[in-house]
Amino acid sequence: MRLKNHPLFYLFLIVIGAVMAFVGQGQGGEDKPYILIVGFVLLMYGLYGTATKWVKDNPRQDEEDDSDEDEEETT
């Protein structure tokens, strides 16, 4: 199994990204914009990977939705 497709890899990215985003905000007005940007990028990539993995794991729901739309159009 490749690490990039493993769900824990995406969870790790989400957690690290969130921590970096909080650290990048800083306290007392000292922002660290590069850490903040990298944190948001990691967070968004982790969320994107998780969402695409969920969609691939449940293709049956898409087929049911398509058949429901076809029935509505014919009636």
PDB file of N, CA and C in Angstrom:
ATOM      1  N   MET A   1       0.841  -1.169   0.000  1.00  0.00           N
ATOM      2  CA  MET A   1       0.000   0.000   0.000  1.00  0.00           C
ATOM      3  C   MET A   1       0.892   1.239   0.000  1.00  0.00           C
ATOM      4  N   ARG A   2       0.555   2.147  -0.867  1.00  0.00           N
ATOM      5  CA  ARG A   2       1.334   3.376  -0.944  1.00  0.00           C
ATOM      6  C   ARG A   2       0.934   4.322   0.173  1.00  0.00           C
ATOM      7  N   LEU A   3       1.893   5.009   0.717  1.00  0.00           N
ATOM      8  CA  LEU A   3       1.632   5.900   1.845  1.00  0.00           C
ATOM      9  C   LEU A   3       0.720   7.051   1.447  1.00  0.00           C
ATOM     10  N   LYS A   4       0.848   7.539   0.223  1.00  0.00           N
ATOM     11  CA  LYS A   4       0.071   8.699  -0.191  1.00  0.00           C
ATOM     12  C   LYS A   4      -1.427   8.405  -0.218  1.00  0.00           C
ATOM     13  N   ASN A   5      -1.821   7.164  -0.446  1.00  0.00           N
ATOM     14  CA  ASN A   5      -3.236   6.819  -0.490  1.00  0.00           C
ATOM     15  C   ASN A   5      -3.772   6.342   0.849  1.00  0.00           C
ATOM     16  N   HIS A   6      -2.955   6.308   1.846  1.00  0.00           N
ATOM     17  CA  HIS A   6      -3.362   5.823   3.159  1.00  0.00           C
ATOM     18  C   HIS A   6      -4.131   6.932   3.891  1.00  0.00           C
ATOM     19  N   PRO A   7      -5.261   6.610   4.522  1.00  0.00           N
ATOM     20  CA  PRO A   7      -6.059   7.640   5.201  1.00  0.00           C
ATOM     21  C   PRO A   7      -5.312   8.342   6.337  1.00  0.00           C
ATOM     22  N   LEU A   8      -4.416   7.627   7.010  1.00  0.00           N
ATOM     23  CA  LEU A   8      -3.668   8.265   8.094  1.00  0.00           C
ATOM     24  C   LEU A   8      -2.707   9.325   7.571  1.00  0.00           C
ATOM     25  N   PHE A   9      -2.252   9.173   6.333  1.00  0.00           N
ATOM     26  CA  PHE A   9      -1.391  10.191   5.727  1.00  0.00           C
ATOM     27  C   PHE A   9      -2.151  11.513   5.608  1.00  0.00           C
ATOM     28  N   TYR A  10      -3.405  11.439   5.156  1.00  0.00           N
ATOM     29  CA  TYR A  10      -4.213  12.649   5.017  1.00  0.00           C
ATOM     30  C   TYR A  10      -4.563  13.237   6.380  1.00  0.00           C
ATOM     31  N   LEU A  11      -4.833  12.387   7.359  1.00  0.00           N
ATOM     32  CA  LEU A  11      -5.100  12.869   8.711  1.00  0.00           C
ATOM     33  C   LEU A  11      -3.869  13.586   9.269  1.00  0.00           C
ATOM     34  N   PHE A  12      -2.698  13.019   9.033  1.00  0.00           N
ATOM     35  CA  PHE A  12      -1.452  13.639   9.465  1.00  0.00           C
ATOM     36  C   PHE A  12      -1.283  15.021   8.826  1.00  0.00           C
ATOM     37  N   LEU A  13      -1.583  15.132   7.526  1.00  0.00           N
ATOM     38  CA  LEU A  13      -1.473  16.432   6.851  1.00  0.00           C
ATOM     39  C   LEU A  13      -2.446  17.447   7.428  1.00  0.00           C
ATOM     40  N   ILE A  14      -3.661  17.010   7.732  1.00  0.00           N
ATOM     41  CA  ILE A  14      -4.657  17.921   8.297  1.00  0.00           C
ATOM     42  C   ILE A  14      -4.197  18.437   9.658  1.00  0.00           C
ATOM     43  N   VAL A  15      -3.711  17.543  10.496  1.00  0.00           N
ATOM     44  CA  VAL A  15      -3.281  17.942  11.844  1.00  0.00           C
ATOM     45  C   VAL A  15      -2.062  18.852  11.774  1.00  0.00           C
ATOM     46  N   ILE A  16      -1.068  18.476  10.987  1.00  0.00           N
ATOM     47  CA  ILE A  16       0.140  19.300  10.868  1.00  0.00           C
ATOM     48  C   ILE A  16      -0.197  20.661  10.254  1.00  0.00           C
ATOM     49  N   GLY A  17      -1.057  20.667   9.247  1.00  0.00           N
ATOM     50  CA  GLY A  17      -1.459  21.929   8.631  1.00  0.00           C
ATOM     51  C   GLY A  17      -2.176  22.844   9.606  1.00  0.00           C
ATOM     52  N   ALA A  18      -3.066  22.280  10.425  1.00  0.00           N
ATOM     53  CA  ALA A  18      -3.785  23.094  11.403  1.00  0.00           C
ATOM     54  C   ALA A  18      -2.830  23.654  12.458  1.00  0.00           C
ATOM     55  N   VAL A  19      -1.900  22.831  12.912  1.00  0.00           N
ATOM     56  CA  VAL A  19      -0.932  23.300  13.909  1.00  0.00           C
ATOM     57  C   VAL A  19      -0.071  24.416  13.315  1.00  0.00           C
ATOM     58  N   MET A  20       0.377  24.226  12.088  1.00  0.00           N
ATOM     59  CA  MET A  20       1.210  25.262  11.457  1.00  0.00           C
ATOM     60  C   MET A  20       0.421  26.549  11.241  1.00  0.00           C
ATOM     61  N   ALA A  21      -0.879  26.435  10.920  1.00  0.00           N
ATOM     62  CA  ALA A  21      -1.693  27.628  10.732  1.00  0.00           C
ATOM     63  C   ALA A  21      -1.840  28.395  12.046  1.00  0.00           C
ATOM     64  N   PHE A  22      -2.021  27.683  13.153  1.00  0.00           N
ATOM     65  CA  PHE A  22      -2.120  28.359  14.452  1.00  0.00           C
ATOM     66  C   PHE A  22      -0.784  28.981  14.850  1.00  0.00           C
ATOM     67  N   VAL A  23       0.304  28.275  14.600  1.00  0.00           N
ATOM     68  CA  VAL A  23       1.626  28.811  14.939  1.00  0.00           C
ATOM     69  C   VAL A  23       1.940  30.019  14.060  1.00  0.00           C
ATOM     70  N   GLY A  24       1.523  29.964  12.806  1.00  0.00           N
ATOM     71  CA  GLY A  24       1.800  31.057  11.879  1.00  0.00           C
ATOM     72  C   GLY A  24       1.093  32.345  12.224  1.00  0.00           C
ATOM     73  N   GLN A  25      -0.030  32.244  12.924  1.00  0.00           N
ATOM     74  CA  GLN A  25      -0.729  33.463  13.328  1.00  0.00           C
ATOM     75  C   GLN A  25       0.057  34.209  14.389  1.00  0.00           C
ATOM     76  N   GLY A  26       0.737  33.480  15.226  1.00  0.00           N
ATOM     77  CA  GLY A  26       1.552  34.103  16.260  1.00  0.00           C
ATOM     78  C   GLY A  26       0.720  34.796  17.316  1.00  0.00           C
ATOM     79  N   GLN A  27       1.383  35.279  18.330  1.00  0.00           N
ATOM     80  CA  GLN A  27       0.712  36.004  19.398  1.00  0.00           C
ATOM     81  C   GLN A  27       1.386  37.351  19.558  1.00  0.00           C
ATOM     82  N   GLY A  28       0.614  38.320  19.931  1.00  0.00           N
ATOM     83  CA  GLY A  28       1.183  39.644  20.140  1.00  0.00           C
ATOM     84  C   GLY A  28       1.476  40.372  18.837  1.00  0.00           C
ATOM     85  N   GLY A  29       0.826  40.005  17.771  1.00  0.00           N
ATOM     86  CA  GLY A  29       0.975  40.709  16.512  1.00  0.00           C
ATOM     87  C   GLY A  29       2.145  40.281  15.654  1.00  0.00           C
ATOM     88  N   GLU A  30       2.869  39.261  16.039  1.00  0.00           N
ATOM     89  CA  GLU A  30       3.997  38.811  15.217  1.00  0.00           C
ATOM     90  C   GLU A  30       3.555  37.640  14.336  1.00  0.00           C
ATOM     91  N   ASP A  31       3.078  37.978  13.147  1.00  0.00           N
ATOM     92  CA  ASP A  31       2.632  36.963  12.204  1.00  0.00           C
ATOM     93  C   ASP A  31       3.833  36.347  11.475  1.00  0.00           C
ATOM     94  N   LYS A  32       3.687  35.091  11.130  1.00  0.00           N
ATOM     95  CA  LYS A  32       4.700  34.384  10.347  1.00  0.00           C
ATOM     96  C   LYS A  32       4.000  33.912   9.077  1.00  0.00           C
ATOM     97  N   PRO A  33       3.988  34.757   8.053  1.00  0.00           N
ATOM     98  CA  PRO A  33       3.141  34.460   6.884  1.00  0.00           C
ATOM     99  C   PRO A  33       3.528  33.192   6.129  1.00  0.00           C
ATOM    100  N   TYR A  34       4.798  32.868   6.055  1.00  0.00           N
ATOM    101  CA  TYR A  34       5.202  31.682   5.300  1.00  0.00           C
ATOM    102  C   TYR A  34       4.761  30.401   5.995  1.00  0.00           C
ATOM    103  N   ILE A  35       4.864  30.376   7.307  1.00  0.00           N
ATOM    104  CA  ILE A  35       4.394  29.207   8.059  1.00  0.00           C
ATOM    105  C   ILE A  35       2.880  29.095   7.941  1.00  0.00           C
ATOM    106  N   LEU A  36       2.190  30.233   7.985  1.00  0.00           N
ATOM    107  CA  LEU A  36       0.740  30.254   7.850  1.00  0.00           C
ATOM    108  C   LEU A  36       0.310  29.724   6.485  1.00  0.00           C
ATOM    109  N   ILE A  37       0.974  30.151   5.435  1.00  0.00           N
ATOM    110  CA  ILE A  37       0.638  29.711   4.081  1.00  0.00           C
ATOM    111  C   ILE A  37       0.893  28.216   3.912  1.00  0.00           C
ATOM    112  N   VAL A  38       2.045  27.744   4.363  1.00  0.00           N
ATOM    113  CA  VAL A  38       2.355  26.313   4.251  1.00  0.00           C
ATOM    114  C   VAL A  38       1.365  25.489   5.071  1.00  0.00           C
ATOM    115  N   GLY A  39       0.978  25.994   6.234  1.00  0.00           N
ATOM    116  CA  GLY A  39      -0.008  25.305   7.059  1.00  0.00           C
ATOM    117  C   GLY A  39      -1.349  25.180   6.354  1.00  0.00           C
ATOM    118  N   PHE A  40      -1.798  26.263   5.731  1.00  0.00           N
ATOM    119  CA  PHE A  40      -3.065  26.213   5.003  1.00  0.00           C
ATOM    120  C   PHE A  40      -2.987  25.293   3.785  1.00  0.00           C
ATOM    121  N   VAL A  41      -1.863  25.309   3.100  1.00  0.00           N
ATOM    122  CA  VAL A  41      -1.707  24.420   1.936  1.00  0.00           C
ATOM    123  C   VAL A  41      -1.765  22.960   2.369  1.00  0.00           C
ATOM    124  N   LEU A  42      -1.056  22.604   3.432  1.00  0.00           N
ATOM    125  CA  LEU A  42      -1.099  21.225   3.924  1.00  0.00           C
ATOM    126  C   LEU A  42      -2.499  20.843   4.396  1.00  0.00           C
ATOM    127  N   LEU A  43      -3.152  21.754   5.086  1.00  0.00           N
ATOM    128  CA  LEU A  43      -4.507  21.502   5.560  1.00  0.00           C
ATOM    129  C   LEU A  43      -5.464  21.266   4.402  1.00  0.00           C
ATOM    130  N   MET A  44      -5.412  22.119   3.397  1.00  0.00           N
ATOM    131  CA  MET A  44      -6.310  21.982   2.252  1.00  0.00           C
ATOM    132  C   MET A  44      -6.008  20.722   1.434  1.00  0.00           C
ATOM    133  N   TYR A  45      -4.734  20.383   1.282  1.00  0.00           N
ATOM    134  CA  TYR A  45      -4.388  19.167   0.546  1.00  0.00           C
ATOM    135  C   TYR A  45      -4.868  17.925   1.296  1.00  0.00           C
ATOM    136  N   GLY A  46      -4.741  17.948   2.617  1.00  0.00           N
ATOM    137  CA  GLY A  46      -5.233  16.829   3.419  1.00  0.00           C
ATOM    138  C   GLY A  46      -6.746  16.683   3.308  1.00  0.00           C
ATOM    139  N   LEU A  47      -7.464  17.793   3.343  1.00  0.00           N
ATOM    140  CA  LEU A  47      -8.918  17.747   3.201  1.00  0.00           C
ATOM    141  C   LEU A  47      -9.325  17.285   1.803  1.00  0.00           C
ATOM    142  N   TYR A  48      -8.613  17.753   0.800  1.00  0.00           N
ATOM    143  CA  TYR A  48      -8.901  17.335  -0.579  1.00  0.00           C
ATOM    144  C   TYR A  48      -8.667  15.832  -0.750  1.00  0.00           C
ATOM    145  N   GLY A  49      -7.557  15.336  -0.231  1.00  0.00           N
ATOM    146  CA  GLY A  49      -7.255  13.905  -0.343  1.00  0.00           C
ATOM    147  C   GLY A  49      -8.273  13.052   0.393  1.00  0.00           C
ATOM    148  N   THR A  50      -8.708  13.518   1.561  1.00  0.00           N
ATOM    149  CA  THR A  50      -9.716  12.783   2.318  1.00  0.00           C
ATOM    150  C   THR A  50     -11.034  12.741   1.569  1.00  0.00           C
ATOM    151  N   ALA A  51     -11.444  13.866   1.011  1.00  0.00           N
ATOM    152  CA  ALA A  51     -12.718  13.927   0.292  1.00  0.00           C
ATOM    153  C   ALA A  51     -12.699  13.050  -0.956  1.00  0.00           C
ATOM    154  N   THR A  52     -11.614  13.081  -1.709  1.00  0.00           N
ATOM    155  CA  THR A  52     -11.556  12.250  -2.916  1.00  0.00           C
ATOM    156  C   THR A  52     -11.508  10.771  -2.558  1.00  0.00           C
ATOM    157  N   LYS A  53     -10.874  10.431  -1.447  1.00  0.00           N
ATOM    158  CA  LYS A  53     -10.835   9.030  -1.009  1.00  0.00           C
ATOM    159  C   LYS A  53     -12.225   8.546  -0.627  1.00  0.00           C
ATOM    160  N   TRP A  54     -13.012   9.380   0.050  1.00  0.00           N
ATOM    161  CA  TRP A  54     -14.373   9.004   0.418  1.00  0.00           C
ATOM    162  C   TRP A  54     -15.231   8.780  -0.815  1.00  0.00           C
ATOM    163  N   VAL A  55     -15.065   9.611  -1.827  1.00  0.00           N
ATOM    164  CA  VAL A  55     -15.860   9.472  -3.046  1.00  0.00           C
ATOM    165  C   VAL A  55     -15.497   8.182  -3.770  1.00  0.00           C
ATOM    166  N   LYS A  56     -14.224   7.844  -3.822  1.00  0.00           N
ATOM    167  CA  LYS A  56     -13.799   6.603  -4.489  1.00  0.00           C
ATOM    168  C   LYS A  56     -14.266   5.372  -3.732  1.00  0.00           C
ATOM    169  N   ASP A  57     -14.368   5.472  -2.403  1.00  0.00           N
ATOM    170  CA  ASP A  57     -14.780   4.327  -1.601  1.00  0.00           C
ATOM    171  C   ASP A  57     -16.277   4.048  -1.695  1.00  0.00           C
ATOM    172  N   ASN A  58     -17.075   5.014  -2.135  1.00  0.00           N
ATOM    173  CA  ASN A  58     -18.520   4.846  -2.159  1.00  0.00           C
ATOM    174  C   ASN A  58     -19.098   5.212  -3.530  1.00  0.00           C
ATOM    175  N   PRO A  59     -18.762   4.466  -4.578  1.00  0.00           N
ATOM    176  CA  PRO A  59     -19.304   4.802  -5.907  1.00  0.00           C
ATOM    177  C   PRO A  59     -20.761   4.416  -6.058  1.00  0.00           C
ATOM    178  N   ARG A  60     -21.262   3.516  -5.232  1.00  0.00           N
ATOM    179  CA  ARG A  60     -22.634   3.049  -5.329  1.00  0.00           C
ATOM    180  C   ARG A  60     -23.619   4.196  -5.103  1.00  0.00           C
ATOM    181  N   GLN A  61     -23.304   5.113  -4.238  1.00  0.00           N
ATOM    182  CA  GLN A  61     -24.192   6.228  -3.958  1.00  0.00           C
ATOM    183  C   GLN A  61     -24.372   7.094  -5.211  1.00  0.00           C
ATOM    184  N   ASP A  62     -23.323   7.289  -5.997  1.00  0.00           N
ATOM    185  CA  ASP A  62     -23.430   8.059  -7.229  1.00  0.00           C
ATOM    186  C   ASP A  62     -24.379   7.389  -8.210  1.00  0.00           C
ATOM    187  N   GLU A  63     -24.319   6.069  -8.325  1.00  0.00           N
ATOM    188  CA  GLU A  63     -25.201   5.343  -9.229  1.00  0.00           C
ATOM    189  C   GLU A  63     -26.656   5.486  -8.795  1.00  0.00           C
ATOM    190  N   GLU A  64     -26.930   5.441  -7.489  1.00  0.00           N
ATOM    191  CA  GLU A  64     -28.287   5.597  -7.002  1.00  0.00           C
ATOM    192  C   GLU A  64     -28.797   7.005  -7.272  1.00  0.00           C
ATOM    193  N   ASP A  65     -27.958   8.014  -7.101  1.00  0.00           N
ATOM    194  CA  ASP A  65     -28.358   9.390  -7.360  1.00  0.00           C
ATOM    195  C   ASP A  65     -28.688   9.590  -8.835  1.00  0.00           C
ATOM    196  N   ASP A  66     -27.901   8.992  -9.716  1.00  0.00           N
ATOM    197  CA  ASP A  66     -28.154   9.110 -11.150  1.00  0.00           C
ATOM    198  C   ASP A  66     -29.478   8.466 -11.526  1.00  0.00           C
ATOM    199  N   SER A  67     -29.792   7.323 -10.961  1.00  0.00           N
ATOM    200  CA  SER A  67     -31.041   6.651 -11.291  1.00  0.00           C
ATOM    201  C   SER A  67     -32.234   7.433 -10.759  1.00  0.00           C
ATOM    202  N   ASP A  68     -32.100   8.084  -9.614  1.00  0.00           N
ATOM    203  CA  ASP A  68     -33.175   8.911  -9.074  1.00  0.00           C
ATOM    204  C   ASP A  68     -33.449  10.107  -9.975  1.00  0.00           C
ATOM    205  N   GLU A  69     -32.398  10.715 -10.522  1.00  0.00           N
ATOM    206  CA  GLU A  69     -32.575  11.854 -11.413  1.00  0.00           C
ATOM    207  C   GLU A  69     -33.240  11.424 -12.711  1.00  0.00           C
ATOM    208  N   ASP A  70     -32.905  10.247 -13.223  1.00  0.00           N
ATOM    209  CA  ASP A  70     -33.514   9.755 -14.449  1.00  0.00           C
ATOM    210  C   ASP A  70     -35.005   9.522 -14.256  1.00  0.00           C
ATOM    211  N   GLU A  71     -35.402   8.984 -13.102  1.00  0.00           N
ATOM    212  CA  GLU A  71     -36.809   8.738 -12.824  1.00  0.00           C
ATOM    213  C   GLU A  71     -37.583  10.029 -12.717  1.00  0.00           C
ATOM    214  N   GLU A  72     -37.002  11.069 -12.144  1.00  0.00           N
ATOM    215  CA  GLU A  72     -37.672  12.358 -12.012  1.00  0.00           C
ATOM    216  C   GLU A  72     -37.883  12.999 -13.374  1.00  0.00           C
ATOM    217  N   GLU A  73     -36.937  12.839 -14.295  1.00  0.00           N
ATOM    218  CA  GLU A  73     -37.065  13.425 -15.609  1.00  0.00           C
ATOM    219  C   GLU A  73     -38.144  12.757 -16.444  1.00  0.00           C
ATOM    220  N   THR A  74     -38.364  11.458 -16.263  1.00  0.00           N
ATOM    221  CA  THR A  74     -39.355  10.739 -17.068  1.00  0.00           C
ATOM    222  C   THR A  74     -40.765  10.955 -16.575  1.00  0.00           C
ATOM    223  N   THR A  75     -40.944  11.366 -15.315  1.00  0.00           N
ATOM    224  CA  THR A  75     -42.303  11.561 -14.798  1.00  0.00           C
ATOM    225  C   THR A  75     -42.740  12.982 -14.914  1.00  0.00           C
TER     226      THR A  75
END
